[in-house]
Amino acid sequence: MKYRSIFFDLDDTLWDTACNNKACLEEVYHDYHFERYYPSFDDFFDLYMPHNLQLWAKYRNCEIDRRTLILERLLYVLRPMGIDDEVFAAKLNDDFLQRTATKTKLVADAIELLKYLFPKYRLFILSNGFREIQSLKMQNAGLAPYFERILLSEDASIQKPHRKIFDYALKTTNSRRVEALMIGDSFEVDIVGAQNARIDQIWLNPTHEGIKGKPPTFTVHSLLEIKHIL
């Protein structure tokens, strides 16, 4: 068996971030009566999401810090309402994160795959997500029992796709590079990062996106296809 340590991205690889976060944002939209300012939730979401993704990209590239990410993603949609209050934005962010921890929708067949892999491999989470929320998400969604450890960018002081976080993961888990495998949905973050660290990769690509660089070691379009590789 070539691989012994398997590192999973969490968000949108196992935990359905797109669906769960959108549901939480819709709750926030209604509970805080943002419909008084936005014609519909879709208008609110369509303003929030592209800006949020841009901020995450800057955070990964060390262009902004965590506090700026947290505040600016919400102030961006609050300012059109005449609200430019960092204290309120921080409280709103805390509320949003607490709501996300209660959501349990997983990417299709996530549990079936983990049940298959668990007896054969050492399984780890390698995530850029925030420390206070990732463990809760995993526990509530039933993912936690399958993983030996959660490795976060905050612990490594660097985010994926930078090589140092992958080196940190190998060292922390006492894993050999040639026996490690990274599984993730983001080509730029998970796959390119693992390639730079000389770790094999499985790209979860359900939407059949085109490859934007060096081909991954493996590409799958669903989690269950991984059973044919491992």
Protein backbone atom coordinates (compact mmCIF):
# COMPACT_ATOMS: atom_id res chain seq x y z
CA MET A 1 0.00 0.00 0.00
CA LYS A 2 1.71 3.18 -1.21
CA TYR A 3 -0.16 5.73 0.92
CA ARG A 4 -0.42 5.72 4.67
CA SER A 5 -1.41 9.31 5.61
CA ILE A 6 -4.32 11.01 3.86
CA PHE A 7 -4.91 14.73 4.34
CA PHE A 8 -8.41 15.98 3.57
CA ASP A 9 -9.50 19.52 3.00
CA LEU A 10 -12.73 20.08 4.95
CA ASP A 11 -14.77 22.83 3.32
CA ASP A 12 -16.54 21.74 0.13
CA THR A 13 -14.53 18.51 0.11
CA LEU A 14 -16.39 16.81 2.98
CA TRP A 15 -18.54 19.50 4.64
CA ASP A 16 -20.88 21.21 2.14
CA THR A 17 -19.72 24.75 2.78
CA ALA A 18 -21.53 26.35 -0.14
CA CYS A 19 -24.91 24.99 0.96
CA ASN A 20 -24.44 25.32 4.72
CA ASN A 21 -23.05 28.84 4.65
CA LYS A 22 -25.73 30.06 2.27
CA ALA A 23 -28.40 28.67 4.61
CA CYS A 24 -26.80 30.51 7.54
CA LEU A 25 -26.58 33.75 5.60
CA GLU A 26 -30.25 33.50 4.71
CA GLU A 27 -31.09 33.05 8.39
CA VAL A 28 -29.02 36.12 9.24
CA TYR A 29 -30.67 38.09 6.43
CA HIS A 30 -34.14 37.43 7.83
CA ASP A 31 -33.36 37.50 11.56
CA TYR A 32 -31.63 40.89 11.29
CA HIS A 33 -34.34 42.20 8.93
CA PHE A 34 -31.94 43.03 6.15
CA GLU A 35 -34.91 42.79 3.78
CA ARG A 36 -35.56 46.42 4.78
CA TYR A 37 -32.44 47.35 2.82
CA TYR A 38 -32.05 44.66 0.13
CA PRO A 39 -34.81 43.76 -2.35
CA SER A 40 -34.17 40.04 -1.83
CA PHE A 41 -31.81 37.58 -0.19
CA ASP A 42 -30.30 36.86 -3.59
CA ASP A 43 -29.32 40.53 -3.94
CA PHE A 44 -27.69 40.40 -0.51
CA PHE A 45 -25.92 37.10 -1.24
CA ASP A 46 -24.73 38.17 -4.67
CA LEU A 47 -23.04 41.18 -3.10
CA TYR A 48 -21.55 39.28 -0.17
CA MET A 49 -20.17 36.14 -1.78
CA PRO A 50 -17.81 37.48 -4.49
CA HIS A 51 -16.30 39.93 -2.02
CA ASN A 52 -15.94 37.21 0.60
CA LEU A 53 -14.07 35.00 -1.87
CA GLN A 54 -11.76 37.86 -2.80
CA LEU A 55 -10.97 38.46 0.87
CA TRP A 56 -10.21 34.77 1.45
CA ALA A 57 -7.80 34.84 -1.50
CA LYS A 58 -6.02 37.84 0.03
CA TYR A 59 -5.93 36.09 3.42
CA ARG A 60 -4.33 32.99 1.87
CA ASN A 61 -1.74 35.20 0.22
CA CYS A 62 -0.98 36.94 3.53
CA GLU A 63 -2.19 40.28 2.14
CA ILE A 64 -4.70 40.76 4.97
CA ASP A 65 -5.01 39.34 8.48
CA ARG A 66 -7.84 37.33 9.99
CA ARG A 67 -9.46 40.35 11.66
CA THR A 68 -9.63 42.25 8.37
CA LEU A 69 -11.19 39.25 6.64
CA ILE A 70 -13.83 38.84 9.33
CA LEU A 71 -14.77 42.49 9.53
CA GLU A 72 -14.58 43.50 5.90
CA ARG A 73 -16.65 40.65 4.51
CA LEU A 74 -19.58 41.84 6.60
CA LEU A 75 -18.96 45.59 6.57
CA TYR A 76 -19.07 45.36 2.78
CA VAL A 77 -22.79 44.45 2.94
CA LEU A 78 -23.52 46.58 6.01
CA ARG A 79 -22.21 49.87 4.63
CA PRO A 80 -24.91 50.13 1.92
CA MET A 81 -27.36 50.00 4.85
CA GLY A 82 -25.61 52.94 6.52
CA ILE A 83 -23.86 50.73 9.09
CA ASP A 84 -20.09 51.08 9.47
CA ASP A 85 -19.67 49.63 12.95
CA GLU A 86 -16.81 47.18 13.55
CA VAL A 87 -18.23 46.05 16.89
CA PHE A 88 -21.56 45.14 15.28
CA ALA A 89 -19.78 43.44 12.36
CA ALA A 90 -17.72 41.33 14.79
CA LYS A 91 -20.84 40.27 16.72
CA LEU A 92 -22.62 39.47 13.47
CA ASN A 93 -19.67 37.34 12.41
CA ASP A 94 -19.74 35.46 15.72
CA ASP A 95 -23.45 34.79 15.24
CA PHE A 96 -22.87 33.60 11.68
CA LEU A 97 -20.06 31.23 12.73
CA GLN A 98 -22.12 29.79 15.58
CA ARG A 99 -24.91 29.07 13.13
CA THR A 100 -22.54 27.34 10.71
CA ALA A 101 -21.46 24.93 13.44
CA THR A 102 -25.03 23.61 13.63
CA LYS A 103 -25.28 22.80 9.92
CA THR A 104 -24.62 19.20 8.98
CA LYS A 105 -25.02 18.84 5.22
CA LEU A 106 -22.08 16.93 3.81
CA VAL A 107 -20.75 16.48 0.30
CA ALA A 108 -22.42 13.40 -1.22
CA ASP A 109 -21.08 10.06 0.05
CA ALA A 110 -18.59 11.64 2.47
CA ILE A 111 -19.39 9.24 5.31
CA GLU A 112 -19.37 6.18 3.05
CA LEU A 113 -15.90 7.08 1.81
CA LEU A 114 -14.57 7.72 5.32
CA LYS A 115 -15.92 4.39 6.56
CA TYR A 116 -14.07 2.72 3.72
CA LEU A 117 -10.77 4.55 4.34
CA PHE A 118 -10.76 4.61 8.14
CA PRO A 119 -9.54 1.02 8.75
CA LYS A 120 -6.78 1.32 6.15
CA TYR A 121 -5.21 4.77 6.50
CA ARG A 122 -4.32 7.53 8.92
CA LEU A 123 -6.78 10.34 8.20
CA PHE A 124 -6.22 14.03 8.91
CA ILE A 125 -7.96 17.32 8.17
CA LEU A 126 -5.79 20.07 6.70
CA SER A 127 -7.80 23.30 6.58
CA ASN A 128 -7.50 27.06 6.34
CA GLY A 129 -10.68 27.42 8.41
CA PHE A 130 -10.88 29.06 11.81
CA ARG A 131 -9.95 27.09 14.92
CA GLU A 132 -13.07 27.84 16.94
CA ILE A 133 -15.44 26.52 14.31
CA GLN A 134 -13.87 23.65 12.35
CA SER A 135 -13.94 21.12 15.19
CA LEU A 136 -17.56 21.93 16.02
CA LYS A 137 -18.58 21.54 12.40
CA MET A 138 -16.92 18.14 12.25
CA GLN A 139 -18.41 16.93 15.52
CA ASN A 140 -21.96 17.99 14.70
CA ALA A 141 -21.78 16.58 11.16
CA GLY A 142 -20.44 13.21 12.33
CA LEU A 143 -17.00 13.58 10.73
CA ALA A 144 -14.81 13.83 13.82
CA PRO A 145 -14.57 10.10 14.73
CA TYR A 146 -12.81 9.29 11.47
CA PHE A 147 -9.89 11.68 11.89
CA GLU A 148 -6.77 11.36 13.97
CA ARG A 149 -6.12 15.08 14.05
CA ILE A 150 -7.27 18.46 12.69
CA LEU A 151 -4.43 20.59 11.30
CA LEU A 152 -5.25 24.26 10.79
CA SER A 153 -3.47 27.11 9.09
CA GLU A 154 -3.72 29.11 12.32
CA ASP A 155 -1.60 26.46 14.05
CA ALA A 156 0.97 26.47 11.25
CA SER A 157 0.90 30.30 10.96
CA ILE A 158 0.57 29.94 7.18
CA GLN A 159 -2.30 29.09 4.85
CA LYS A 160 -2.65 26.63 2.01
CA PRO A 161 -1.40 26.69 -0.74
CA HIS A 162 1.96 27.65 0.78
CA ARG A 163 4.36 24.74 1.01
CA LYS A 164 5.18 25.39 4.66
CA ILE A 165 1.74 24.27 5.86
CA PHE A 166 2.14 20.93 4.08
CA ASP A 167 5.62 20.50 5.56
CA TYR A 168 4.11 21.36 8.95
CA ALA A 169 1.41 18.71 8.44
CA LEU A 170 3.94 16.03 7.56
CA LYS A 171 6.16 16.85 10.52
CA THR A 172 3.31 17.15 13.02
CA THR A 173 1.79 13.80 12.03
CA ASN A 174 5.12 12.02 11.57
CA SER A 175 4.17 11.21 7.99
CA ARG A 176 6.53 10.47 5.13
CA ARG A 177 6.15 12.66 2.05
CA VAL A 178 6.12 9.69 -0.35
CA GLU A 179 3.37 8.01 1.67
CA ALA A 180 1.14 11.09 1.94
CA LEU A 181 -1.86 12.09 -0.18
CA MET A 182 -3.86 15.34 -0.27
CA ILE A 183 -7.56 15.31 -1.19
CA GLY A 184 -9.28 18.62 -1.89
CA ASP A 185 -11.72 20.48 -4.11
CA SER A 186 -9.68 23.63 -4.77
CA PHE A 187 -7.14 23.26 -7.57
CA GLU A 188 -5.30 26.47 -6.63
CA VAL A 189 -5.28 25.85 -2.88
CA ASP A 190 -5.18 22.09 -2.29
CA ILE A 191 -3.72 20.65 -5.47
CA VAL A 192 -1.09 23.24 -6.41
CA GLY A 193 -0.09 23.50 -2.77
CA ALA A 194 0.42 19.75 -2.46
CA GLN A 195 2.27 19.67 -5.77
CA ASN A 196 4.68 22.32 -4.52
CA ALA A 197 5.24 20.22 -1.40
CA ARG A 198 5.83 17.09 -3.52
CA ILE A 199 2.79 15.35 -2.11
CA ASP A 200 0.46 13.34 -4.36
CA GLN A 201 -3.04 14.70 -4.80
CA ILE A 202 -6.63 13.77 -5.60
CA TRP A 203 -8.61 16.67 -7.03
CA LEU A 204 -12.33 16.48 -6.31
CA ASN A 205 -13.73 18.22 -9.38
CA PRO A 206 -17.51 17.66 -9.48
CA THR A 207 -18.13 20.47 -11.97
CA HIS A 208 -15.53 19.22 -14.48
CA GLU A 209 -13.48 22.42 -14.39
CA GLY A 210 -10.54 22.69 -16.74
CA ILE A 211 -7.07 22.10 -15.34
CA LYS A 212 -5.21 25.38 -14.87
CA GLY A 213 -1.71 24.03 -14.49
CA LYS A 214 0.15 20.79 -13.92
CA PRO A 215 -2.32 17.87 -13.89
CA PRO A 216 -3.09 16.37 -10.48
CA THR A 217 -1.96 12.87 -9.61
CA PHE A 218 -5.63 11.86 -9.77
CA THR A 219 -8.89 13.64 -10.61
CA VAL A 220 -12.33 12.44 -9.52
CA HIS A 221 -15.78 13.90 -9.98
CA SER A 222 -17.32 12.34 -6.86
CA LEU A 223 -16.00 11.15 -3.53
CA LEU A 224 -16.97 7.53 -4.20
CA GLU A 225 -14.58 7.39 -7.16
CA ILE A 226 -11.76 7.63 -4.64
CA LYS A 227 -12.55 4.06 -3.55
CA HIS A 228 -11.24 2.90 -6.95
CA ILE A 229 -7.92 4.64 -6.30
CA LEU A 230 -7.28 3.70 -2.66
